[in-house]
Amino acid sequence: MITKLFLELKKLFAELASTLILGKNKDAAHIALVLSEKSRALAEELAK
């Protein structure tokens, strides 16, 4: 589960970076929100 979350975070960071480079701020905001949720899920898994 933890490995899957790390891979999802890696993908989201790459997607966020490319979206910001392209200047799509509205899309970047949505990606950042999803990134936050996944980061929280990872933190919860690591705390177990």
Protein backbone atom coordinates (compact mmCIF):
# COMPACT_ATOMS: atom_id res chain seq x y z
CA MET A 1 0.00 0.00 0.00
CA ILE A 2 2.79 2.42 0.92
CA THR A 3 4.67 1.74 -2.33
CA LYS A 4 1.51 2.40 -4.31
CA LEU A 5 1.01 5.73 -2.52
CA PHE A 6 4.63 6.75 -3.20
CA LEU A 7 4.19 5.98 -6.90
CA GLU A 8 0.95 7.97 -7.02
CA LEU A 9 2.65 10.92 -5.31
CA LYS A 10 5.54 10.76 -7.78
CA LYS A 11 3.11 10.83 -10.69
CA LEU A 12 1.15 13.71 -9.17
CA PHE A 13 4.29 15.79 -8.57
CA ALA A 14 5.32 15.31 -12.20
CA GLU A 15 1.83 16.18 -13.41
CA LEU A 16 1.72 19.25 -11.17
CA ALA A 17 5.10 20.46 -12.41
CA SER A 18 4.15 20.11 -16.07
CA THR A 19 0.80 21.78 -15.47
CA LEU A 20 2.46 24.73 -13.75
CA ILE A 21 5.02 25.03 -16.56
CA LEU A 22 2.17 25.22 -19.06
CA GLY A 23 0.50 27.93 -16.98
CA LYS A 24 -2.70 26.02 -16.29
CA ASN A 25 -3.21 27.31 -12.77
CA LYS A 26 -6.80 26.11 -12.37
CA ASP A 27 -5.79 22.56 -13.27
CA ALA A 28 -2.73 22.84 -11.02
CA ALA A 29 -4.93 23.80 -8.09
CA HIS A 30 -6.98 20.64 -8.54
CA ILE A 31 -3.84 18.49 -8.79
CA ALA A 32 -2.45 20.12 -5.64
CA LEU A 33 -5.65 19.25 -3.80
CA VAL A 34 -5.40 15.61 -4.87
CA LEU A 35 -1.72 15.62 -3.94
CA SER A 36 -2.62 16.85 -0.47
CA GLU A 37 -5.16 14.06 0.00
CA LYS A 38 -2.67 11.41 -1.13
CA SER A 39 0.03 12.84 1.13
CA ARG A 40 -2.33 12.64 4.08
CA ALA A 41 -3.17 9.03 3.22
CA LEU A 42 0.52 8.19 3.07
CA ALA A 43 1.15 9.84 6.43
CA GLU A 44 -1.67 7.82 7.96
CA GLU A 45 -0.25 4.60 6.53
CA LEU A 46 3.22 5.38 7.82
CA ALA A 47 1.84 6.16 11.28
CA LYS A 48 0.40 2.66 11.64
